[in-house]
Amino acid sequence: MKILAAAVLAAFCAFTINALAANSQQERMGACNKDAGDKKGDERKQFMKECLGAKKDAGGKMSQQDKMKACNKQATGKKGDERKQFMSECLKG
């Protein structure tokens, strides 16, 4: 009986972990899609690759250094107050 209970518990844990990982990946994909905005073609592919591959800390958040790199890339072409405002919002999120 104990073996059966342990097997059921192990299966439940494995299923839960897989479901959480899938949700996390879906959330990440959604956030990257939103951040990609109107980028197209190779530019979009490169952005999505970097966004989805960004290193996350134990809490699932991007490291400050990686966040700064990603925000800088997204801010390309923005200048002055527009860039400051964008960077402020980007680094908060």
PDB file of N, CA and C in Angstrom:
ATOM      1  N   MET A   1       0.821  -1.191   0.000  1.00  0.00           N
ATOM      2  CA  MET A   1       0.000   0.000   0.000  1.00  0.00           C
ATOM      3  C   MET A   1       0.876   1.271   0.000  1.00  0.00           C
ATOM      4  N   LYS A   2       1.959   1.230   0.781  1.00  0.00           N
ATOM      5  CA  LYS A   2       2.842   2.386   0.850  1.00  0.00           C
ATOM      6  C   LYS A   2       3.519   2.637  -0.502  1.00  0.00           C
ATOM      7  N   ILE A   3       3.853   1.563  -1.207  1.00  0.00           N
ATOM      8  CA  ILE A   3       4.502   1.695  -2.514  1.00  0.00           C
ATOM      9  C   ILE A   3       3.540   2.342  -3.512  1.00  0.00           C
ATOM     10  N   LEU A   4       2.287   1.923  -3.476  1.00  0.00           N
ATOM     11  CA  LEU A   4       1.280   2.496  -4.361  1.00  0.00           C
ATOM     12  C   LEU A   4       1.087   3.982  -4.066  1.00  0.00           C
ATOM     13  N   ALA A   5       1.019   4.327  -2.788  1.00  0.00           N
ATOM     14  CA  ALA A   5       0.847   5.729  -2.400  1.00  0.00           C
ATOM     15  C   ALA A   5       2.051   6.557  -2.844  1.00  0.00           C
ATOM     16  N   ALA A   6       3.247   5.999  -2.699  1.00  0.00           N
ATOM     17  CA  ALA A   6       4.460   6.703  -3.117  1.00  0.00           C
ATOM     18  C   ALA A   6       4.481   6.889  -4.629  1.00  0.00           C
ATOM     19  N   ALA A   7       4.035   5.880  -5.369  1.00  0.00           N
ATOM     20  CA  ALA A   7       4.002   5.977  -6.831  1.00  0.00           C
ATOM     21  C   ALA A   7       3.003   7.039  -7.287  1.00  0.00           C
ATOM     22  N   VAL A   8       1.833   7.061  -6.649  1.00  0.00           N
ATOM     23  CA  VAL A   8       0.812   8.062  -6.990  1.00  0.00           C
ATOM     24  C   VAL A   8       1.329   9.459  -6.668  1.00  0.00           C
ATOM     25  N   LEU A   9       1.964   9.616  -5.523  1.00  0.00           N
ATOM     26  CA  LEU A   9       2.518  10.914  -5.136  1.00  0.00           C
ATOM     27  C   LEU A   9       3.602  11.357  -6.112  1.00  0.00           C
ATOM     28  N   ALA A  10       4.468  10.455  -6.512  1.00  0.00           N
ATOM     29  CA  ALA A  10       5.535  10.786  -7.464  1.00  0.00           C
ATOM     30  C   ALA A  10       4.952  11.202  -8.815  1.00  0.00           C
ATOM     31  N   ALA A  11       3.940  10.482  -9.270  1.00  0.00           N
ATOM     32  CA  ALA A  11       3.296  10.826 -10.542  1.00  0.00           C
ATOM     33  C   ALA A  11       2.628  12.194 -10.451  1.00  0.00           C
ATOM     34  N   PHE A  12       1.972  12.466  -9.352  1.00  0.00           N
ATOM     35  CA  PHE A  12       1.320  13.765  -9.162  1.00  0.00           C
ATOM     36  C   PHE A  12       2.349  14.885  -9.167  1.00  0.00           C
ATOM     37  N   CYS A  13       3.448  14.693  -8.465  1.00  0.00           N
ATOM     38  CA  CYS A  13       4.506  15.713  -8.413  1.00  0.00           C
ATOM     39  C   CYS A  13       5.092  15.963  -9.802  1.00  0.00           C
ATOM     40  N   ALA A  14       5.339  14.899 -10.549  1.00  0.00           N
ATOM     41  CA  ALA A  14       5.896  15.048 -11.890  1.00  0.00           C
ATOM     42  C   ALA A  14       4.928  15.805 -12.795  1.00  0.00           C
ATOM     43  N   PHE A  15       3.651  15.471 -12.704  1.00  0.00           N
ATOM     44  CA  PHE A  15       2.636  16.154 -13.513  1.00  0.00           C
ATOM     45  C   PHE A  15       2.560  17.635 -13.143  1.00  0.00           C
ATOM     46  N   THR A  16       2.565  17.934 -11.856  1.00  0.00           N
ATOM     47  CA  THR A  16       2.478  19.316 -11.382  1.00  0.00           C
ATOM     48  C   THR A  16       3.680  20.130 -11.837  1.00  0.00           C
ATOM     49  N   ILE A  17       4.862  19.560 -11.730  1.00  0.00           N
ATOM     50  CA  ILE A  17       6.080  20.263 -12.152  1.00  0.00           C
ATOM     51  C   ILE A  17       6.035  20.552 -13.648  1.00  0.00           C
ATOM     52  N   ASN A  18       5.626  19.575 -14.443  1.00  0.00           N
ATOM     53  CA  ASN A  18       5.522  19.779 -15.890  1.00  0.00           C
ATOM     54  C   ASN A  18       4.494  20.843 -16.226  1.00  0.00           C
ATOM     55  N   ALA A  19       3.365  20.844 -15.540  1.00  0.00           N
ATOM     56  CA  ALA A  19       2.325  21.843 -15.792  1.00  0.00           C
ATOM     57  C   ALA A  19       2.821  23.239 -15.441  1.00  0.00           C
ATOM     58  N   LEU A  20       3.519  23.361 -14.321  1.00  0.00           N
ATOM     59  CA  LEU A  20       4.055  24.666 -13.922  1.00  0.00           C
ATOM     60  C   LEU A  20       5.100  25.152 -14.917  1.00  0.00           C
ATOM     61  N   ALA A  21       5.948  24.263 -15.389  1.00  0.00           N
ATOM     62  CA  ALA A  21       6.970  24.643 -16.364  1.00  0.00           C
ATOM     63  C   ALA A  21       6.322  25.097 -17.667  1.00  0.00           C
ATOM     64  N   ALA A  22       5.271  24.421 -18.089  1.00  0.00           N
ATOM     65  CA  ALA A  22       4.578  24.810 -19.318  1.00  0.00           C
ATOM     66  C   ALA A  22       3.942  26.182 -19.160  1.00  0.00           C
ATOM     67  N   ASN A  23       3.311  26.425 -18.017  1.00  0.00           N
ATOM     68  CA  ASN A  23       2.699  27.734 -17.773  1.00  0.00           C
ATOM     69  C   ASN A  23       3.756  28.826 -17.749  1.00  0.00           C
ATOM     70  N   SER A  24       4.882  28.537 -17.118  1.00  0.00           N
ATOM     71  CA  SER A  24       5.963  29.509 -17.050  1.00  0.00           C
ATOM     72  C   SER A  24       6.469  29.848 -18.449  1.00  0.00           C
ATOM     73  N   GLN A  25       6.651  28.827 -19.282  1.00  0.00           N
ATOM     74  CA  GLN A  25       7.127  29.042 -20.651  1.00  0.00           C
ATOM     75  C   GLN A  25       6.100  29.834 -21.456  1.00  0.00           C
ATOM     76  N   GLN A  26       4.816  29.533 -21.259  1.00  0.00           N
ATOM     77  CA  GLN A  26       3.763  30.257 -21.967  1.00  0.00           C
ATOM     78  C   GLN A  26       3.744  31.724 -21.549  1.00  0.00           C
ATOM     79  N   GLU A  27       3.896  31.963 -20.251  1.00  0.00           N
ATOM     80  CA  GLU A  27       3.924  33.344 -19.753  1.00  0.00           C
ATOM     81  C   GLU A  27       5.125  34.085 -20.323  1.00  0.00           C
ATOM     82  N   ARG A  28       6.249  33.408 -20.368  1.00  0.00           N
ATOM     83  CA  ARG A  28       7.467  34.009 -20.900  1.00  0.00           C
ATOM     84  C   ARG A  28       7.308  34.334 -22.386  1.00  0.00           C
ATOM     85  N   MET A  29       6.708  33.402 -23.135  1.00  0.00           N
ATOM     86  CA  MET A  29       6.478  33.612 -24.560  1.00  0.00           C
ATOM     87  C   MET A  29       5.540  34.801 -24.764  1.00  0.00           C
ATOM     88  N   GLY A  30       4.498  34.884 -23.955  1.00  0.00           N
ATOM     89  CA  GLY A  30       3.562  36.002 -24.064  1.00  0.00           C
ATOM     90  C   GLY A  30       4.246  37.336 -23.782  1.00  0.00           C
ATOM     91  N   ALA A  31       5.068  37.365 -22.739  1.00  0.00           N
ATOM     92  CA  ALA A  31       5.769  38.601 -22.388  1.00  0.00           C
ATOM     93  C   ALA A  31       6.747  38.996 -23.494  1.00  0.00           C
ATOM     94  N   CYS A  32       7.469  38.029 -24.038  1.00  0.00           N
ATOM     95  CA  CYS A  32       8.420  38.329 -25.115  1.00  0.00           C
ATOM     96  C   CYS A  32       7.692  38.795 -26.371  1.00  0.00           C
ATOM     97  N   ASN A  33       6.564  38.161 -26.689  1.00  0.00           N
ATOM     98  CA  ASN A  33       5.770  38.588 -27.846  1.00  0.00           C
ATOM     99  C   ASN A  33       5.318  40.029 -27.687  1.00  0.00           C
ATOM    100  N   LYS A  34       4.866  40.367 -26.488  1.00  0.00           N
ATOM    101  CA  LYS A  34       4.417  41.737 -26.217  1.00  0.00           C
ATOM    102  C   LYS A  34       5.586  42.712 -26.365  1.00  0.00           C
ATOM    103  N   ASP A  35       6.729  42.348 -25.806  1.00  0.00           N
ATOM    104  CA  ASP A  35       7.899  43.221 -25.871  1.00  0.00           C
ATOM    105  C   ASP A  35       8.448  43.354 -27.300  1.00  0.00           C
ATOM    106  N   ALA A  36       8.223  42.338 -28.122  1.00  0.00           N
ATOM    107  CA  ALA A  36       8.728  42.376 -29.497  1.00  0.00           C
ATOM    108  C   ALA A  36       8.009  43.428 -30.330  1.00  0.00           C
ATOM    109  N   GLY A  37       6.814  43.806 -29.915  1.00  0.00           N
ATOM    110  CA  GLY A  37       6.081  44.872 -30.601  1.00  0.00           C
ATOM    111  C   GLY A  37       5.916  44.606 -32.082  1.00  0.00           C
ATOM    112  N   ASP A  38       6.332  45.559 -32.904  1.00  0.00           N
ATOM    113  CA  ASP A  38       6.130  45.442 -34.349  1.00  0.00           C
ATOM    114  C   ASP A  38       7.389  44.993 -35.098  1.00  0.00           C
ATOM    115  N   LYS A  39       8.330  44.379 -34.377  1.00  0.00           N
ATOM    116  CA  LYS A  39       9.530  43.859 -35.046  1.00  0.00           C
ATOM    117  C   LYS A  39       9.107  42.756 -36.013  1.00  0.00           C
ATOM    118  N   LYS A  40       9.816  42.637 -37.115  1.00  0.00           N
ATOM    119  CA  LYS A  40       9.475  41.635 -38.127  1.00  0.00           C
ATOM    120  C   LYS A  40      10.733  40.917 -38.609  1.00  0.00           C
ATOM    121  N   GLY A  41      10.536  39.761 -39.205  1.00  0.00           N
ATOM    122  CA  GLY A  41      11.609  39.023 -39.855  1.00  0.00           C
ATOM    123  C   GLY A  41      12.743  38.636 -38.930  1.00  0.00           C
ATOM    124  N   ASP A  42      13.966  38.810 -39.427  1.00  0.00           N
ATOM    125  CA  ASP A  42      15.156  38.408 -38.683  1.00  0.00           C
ATOM    126  C   ASP A  42      15.306  39.187 -37.380  1.00  0.00           C
ATOM    127  N   GLU A  43      14.907  40.453 -37.401  1.00  0.00           N
ATOM    128  CA  GLU A  43      15.001  41.265 -36.185  1.00  0.00           C
ATOM    129  C   GLU A  43      14.129  40.651 -35.084  1.00  0.00           C
ATOM    130  N   ARG A  44      12.916  40.241 -35.441  1.00  0.00           N
ATOM    131  CA  ARG A  44      12.003  39.632 -34.467  1.00  0.00           C
ATOM    132  C   ARG A  44      12.547  38.284 -33.992  1.00  0.00           C
ATOM    133  N   LYS A  45      13.047  37.470 -34.915  1.00  0.00           N
ATOM    134  CA  LYS A  45      13.600  36.170 -34.545  1.00  0.00           C
ATOM    135  C   LYS A  45      14.733  36.332 -33.541  1.00  0.00           C
ATOM    136  N   GLN A  46      15.631  37.267 -33.823  1.00  0.00           N
ATOM    137  CA  GLN A  46      16.767  37.508 -32.935  1.00  0.00           C
ATOM    138  C   GLN A  46      16.295  37.990 -31.566  1.00  0.00           C
ATOM    139  N   PHE A  47      15.335  38.922 -31.573  1.00  0.00           N
ATOM    140  CA  PHE A  47      14.815  39.445 -30.310  1.00  0.00           C
ATOM    141  C   PHE A  47      14.182  38.315 -29.486  1.00  0.00           C
ATOM    142  N   MET A  48      13.348  37.493 -30.129  1.00  0.00           N
ATOM    143  CA  MET A  48      12.669  36.414 -29.415  1.00  0.00           C
ATOM    144  C   MET A  48      13.677  35.401 -28.873  1.00  0.00           C
ATOM    145  N   LYS A  49      14.705  35.105 -29.640  1.00  0.00           N
ATOM    146  CA  LYS A  49      15.743  34.176 -29.192  1.00  0.00           C
ATOM    147  C   LYS A  49      16.410  34.705 -27.927  1.00  0.00           C
ATOM    148  N   GLU A  50      16.757  35.979 -27.943  1.00  0.00           N
ATOM    149  CA  GLU A  50      17.412  36.575 -26.782  1.00  0.00           C
ATOM    150  C   GLU A  50      16.458  36.671 -25.599  1.00  0.00           C
ATOM    151  N   CYS A  51      15.230  37.066 -25.871  1.00  0.00           N
ATOM    152  CA  CYS A  51      14.251  37.229 -24.797  1.00  0.00           C
ATOM    153  C   CYS A  51      13.945  35.889 -24.128  1.00  0.00           C
ATOM    154  N   LEU A  52      13.689  34.872 -24.917  1.00  0.00           N
ATOM    155  CA  LEU A  52      13.343  33.565 -24.361  1.00  0.00           C
ATOM    156  C   LEU A  52      14.545  32.878 -23.730  1.00  0.00           C
ATOM    157  N   GLY A  53      15.734  33.232 -24.173  1.00  0.00           N
ATOM    158  CA  GLY A  53      16.938  32.615 -23.637  1.00  0.00           C
ATOM    159  C   GLY A  53      17.552  33.392 -22.491  1.00  0.00           C
ATOM    160  N   ALA A  54      16.942  34.492 -22.105  1.00  0.00           N
ATOM    161  CA  ALA A  54      17.513  35.318 -21.036  1.00  0.00           C
ATOM    162  C   ALA A  54      17.563  34.530 -19.731  1.00  0.00           C
ATOM    163  N   LYS A  55      18.637  34.703 -19.005  1.00  0.00           N
ATOM    164  CA  LYS A  55      18.817  33.989 -17.746  1.00  0.00           C
ATOM    165  C   LYS A  55      17.856  34.538 -16.703  1.00  0.00           C
ATOM    166  N   LYS A  56      17.295  33.625 -15.936  1.00  0.00           N
ATOM    167  CA  LYS A  56      16.366  33.988 -14.875  1.00  0.00           C
ATOM    168  C   LYS A  56      16.984  33.614 -13.533  1.00  0.00           C
ATOM    169  N   ASP A  57      16.636  34.382 -12.500  1.00  0.00           N
ATOM    170  CA  ASP A  57      17.111  34.032 -11.169  1.00  0.00           C
ATOM    171  C   ASP A  57      16.206  32.963 -10.564  1.00  0.00           C
ATOM    172  N   ALA A  58      16.449  32.594  -9.310  1.00  0.00           N
ATOM    173  CA  ALA A  58      15.675  31.525  -8.673  1.00  0.00           C
ATOM    174  C   ALA A  58      14.185  31.859  -8.602  1.00  0.00           C
ATOM    175  N   GLY A  59      13.848  33.133  -8.545  1.00  0.00           N
ATOM    176  CA  GLY A  59      12.443  33.540  -8.489  1.00  0.00           C
ATOM    177  C   GLY A  59      11.801  33.618  -9.857  1.00  0.00           C
ATOM    178  N   GLY A  60      12.526  33.260 -10.911  1.00  0.00           N
ATOM    179  CA  GLY A  60      11.967  33.282 -12.253  1.00  0.00           C
ATOM    180  C   GLY A  60      12.075  34.625 -12.932  1.00  0.00           C
ATOM    181  N   LYS A  61      12.821  35.545 -12.314  1.00  0.00           N
ATOM    182  CA  LYS A  61      12.968  36.877 -12.902  1.00  0.00           C
ATOM    183  C   LYS A  61      14.315  37.007 -13.591  1.00  0.00           C
ATOM    184  N   MET A  62      14.348  37.865 -14.591  1.00  0.00           N
ATOM    185  CA  MET A  62      15.570  38.111 -15.343  1.00  0.00           C
ATOM    186  C   MET A  62      16.561  38.859 -14.452  1.00  0.00           C
ATOM    187  N   SER A  63      17.852  38.521 -14.558  1.00  0.00           N
ATOM    188  CA  SER A  63      18.856  39.234 -13.777  1.00  0.00           C
ATOM    189  C   SER A  63      18.880  40.701 -14.220  1.00  0.00           C
ATOM    190  N   GLN A  64      19.313  41.570 -13.344  1.00  0.00           N
ATOM    191  CA  GLN A  64      19.335  43.000 -13.650  1.00  0.00           C
ATOM    192  C   GLN A  64      20.211  43.293 -14.862  1.00  0.00           C
ATOM    193  N   GLN A  65      21.330  42.597 -14.966  1.00  0.00           N
ATOM    194  CA  GLN A  65      22.238  42.798 -16.100  1.00  0.00           C
ATOM    195  C   GLN A  65      21.569  42.369 -17.407  1.00  0.00           C
ATOM    196  N   ASP A  66      20.910  41.213 -17.399  1.00  0.00           N
ATOM    197  CA  ASP A  66      20.222  40.755 -18.602  1.00  0.00           C
ATOM    198  C   ASP A  66      19.047  41.660 -18.950  1.00  0.00           C
ATOM    199  N   LYS A  67      18.363  42.139 -17.918  1.00  0.00           N
ATOM    200  CA  LYS A  67      17.241  43.048 -18.155  1.00  0.00           C
ATOM    201  C   LYS A  67      17.736  44.342 -18.803  1.00  0.00           C
ATOM    202  N   MET A  68      18.871  44.858 -18.324  1.00  0.00           N
ATOM    203  CA  MET A  68      19.444  46.075 -18.891  1.00  0.00           C
ATOM    204  C   MET A  68      19.821  45.858 -20.355  1.00  0.00           C
ATOM    205  N   LYS A  69      20.421  44.715 -20.669  1.00  0.00           N
ATOM    206  CA  LYS A  69      20.796  44.416 -22.057  1.00  0.00           C
ATOM    207  C   LYS A  69      19.556  44.360 -22.947  1.00  0.00           C
ATOM    208  N   ALA A  70      18.532  43.653 -22.475  1.00  0.00           N
ATOM    209  CA  ALA A  70      17.306  43.509 -23.269  1.00  0.00           C
ATOM    210  C   ALA A  70      16.629  44.862 -23.472  1.00  0.00           C
ATOM    211  N   CYS A  71      16.557  45.671 -22.437  1.00  0.00           N
ATOM    212  CA  CYS A  71      15.922  46.989 -22.547  1.00  0.00           C
ATOM    213  C   CYS A  71      16.708  47.901 -23.481  1.00  0.00           C
ATOM    214  N   ASN A  72      18.034  47.845 -23.396  1.00  0.00           N
ATOM    215  CA  ASN A  72      18.862  48.658 -24.288  1.00  0.00           C
ATOM    216  C   ASN A  72      18.610  48.302 -25.750  1.00  0.00           C
ATOM    217  N   LYS A  73      18.500  47.008 -26.034  1.00  0.00           N
ATOM    218  CA  LYS A  73      18.238  46.583 -27.412  1.00  0.00           C
ATOM    219  C   LYS A  73      16.872  47.078 -27.873  1.00  0.00           C
ATOM    220  N   GLN A  74      15.893  46.999 -26.996  1.00  0.00           N
ATOM    221  CA  GLN A  74      14.542  47.432 -27.355  1.00  0.00           C
ATOM    222  C   GLN A  74      14.465  48.942 -27.532  1.00  0.00           C
ATOM    223  N   ALA A  75      15.340  49.675 -26.859  1.00  0.00           N
ATOM    224  CA  ALA A  75      15.305  51.137 -26.905  1.00  0.00           C
ATOM    225  C   ALA A  75      16.031  51.707 -28.120  1.00  0.00           C
ATOM    226  N   THR A  76      16.573  50.846 -28.967  1.00  0.00           N
ATOM    227  CA  THR A  76      17.299  51.309 -30.150  1.00  0.00           C
ATOM    228  C   THR A  76      16.430  52.276 -30.950  1.00  0.00           C
ATOM    229  N   GLY A  77      16.994  53.443 -31.264  1.00  0.00           N
ATOM    230  CA  GLY A  77      16.280  54.445 -32.051  1.00  0.00           C
ATOM    231  C   GLY A  77      15.573  55.495 -31.210  1.00  0.00           C
ATOM    232  N   LYS A  78      15.370  55.205 -29.923  1.00  0.00           N
ATOM    233  CA  LYS A  78      14.730  56.183 -29.041  1.00  0.00           C
ATOM    234  C   LYS A  78      15.807  57.124 -28.503  1.00  0.00           C
ATOM    235  N   LYS A  79      15.449  58.376 -28.287  1.00  0.00           N
ATOM    236  CA  LYS A  79      16.418  59.366 -27.807  1.00  0.00           C
ATOM    237  C   LYS A  79      15.792  60.248 -26.739  1.00  0.00           C
ATOM    238  N   GLY A  80      16.643  60.853 -25.938  1.00  0.00           N
ATOM    239  CA  GLY A  80      16.219  61.847 -24.963  1.00  0.00           C
ATOM    240  C   GLY A  80      15.192  61.330 -23.968  1.00  0.00           C
ATOM    241  N   ASP A  81      14.155  62.150 -23.745  1.00  0.00           N
ATOM    242  CA  ASP A  81      13.132  61.827 -22.759  1.00  0.00           C
ATOM    243  C   ASP A  81      12.369  60.554 -23.111  1.00  0.00           C
ATOM    244  N   GLU A  82      12.166  60.328 -24.420  1.00  0.00           N
ATOM    245  CA  GLU A  82      11.461  59.116 -24.843  1.00  0.00           C
ATOM    246  C   GLU A  82      12.241  57.877 -24.391  1.00  0.00           C
ATOM    247  N   ARG A  83      13.573  57.915 -24.585  1.00  0.00           N
ATOM    248  CA  ARG A  83      14.413  56.774 -24.183  1.00  0.00           C
ATOM    249  C   ARG A  83      14.425  56.619 -22.663  1.00  0.00           C
ATOM    250  N   LYS A  84      14.557  57.718 -21.935  1.00  0.00           N
ATOM    251  CA  LYS A  84      14.564  57.656 -20.467  1.00  0.00           C
ATOM    252  C   LYS A  84      13.276  57.032 -19.952  1.00  0.00           C
ATOM    253  N   GLN A  85      12.156  57.478 -20.488  1.00  0.00           N
ATOM    254  CA  GLN A  85      10.858  56.964 -20.065  1.00  0.00           C
ATOM    255  C   GLN A  85      10.743  55.471 -20.392  1.00  0.00           C
ATOM    256  N   PHE A  86      11.147  55.104 -21.617  1.00  0.00           N
ATOM    257  CA  PHE A  86      11.090  53.704 -22.018  1.00  0.00           C
ATOM    258  C   PHE A  86      11.949  52.841 -21.100  1.00  0.00           C
ATOM    259  N   MET A  87      13.180  53.262 -20.854  1.00  0.00           N
ATOM    260  CA  MET A  87      14.090  52.475 -20.026  1.00  0.00           C
ATOM    261  C   MET A  87      13.548  52.331 -18.604  1.00  0.00           C
ATOM    262  N   SER A  88      12.989  53.392 -18.080  1.00  0.00           N
ATOM    263  CA  SER A  88      12.423  53.336 -16.741  1.00  0.00           C
ATOM    264  C   SER A  88      11.323  52.291 -16.659  1.00  0.00           C
ATOM    265  N   GLU A  89      10.409  52.321 -17.609  1.00  0.00           N
ATOM    266  CA  GLU A  89       9.300  51.355 -17.626  1.00  0.00           C
ATOM    267  C   GLU A  89       9.808  49.935 -17.881  1.00  0.00           C
ATOM    268  N   CYS A  90      10.730  49.799 -18.805  1.00  0.00           N
ATOM    269  CA  CYS A  90      11.258  48.485 -19.165  1.00  0.00           C
ATOM    270  C   CYS A  90      11.965  47.840 -17.969  1.00  0.00           C
ATOM    271  N   LEU A  91      12.773  48.592 -17.273  1.00  0.00           N
ATOM    272  CA  LEU A  91      13.532  48.046 -16.156  1.00  0.00           C
ATOM    273  C   LEU A  91      12.643  47.728 -14.950  1.00  0.00           C
ATOM    274  N   LYS A  92      11.503  48.377 -14.837  1.00  0.00           N
ATOM    275  CA  LYS A  92      10.564  48.068 -13.753  1.00  0.00           C
ATOM    276  C   LYS A  92       9.920  46.721 -13.989  1.00  0.00           C
ATOM    277  N   GLY A  93       9.592  46.441 -15.251  1.00  0.00           N
ATOM    278  CA  GLY A  93       8.838  45.225 -15.596  1.00  0.00           C
ATOM    279  C   GLY A  93       9.664  44.040 -15.584  1.00  0.00           C
TER     280      GLY A  93
END
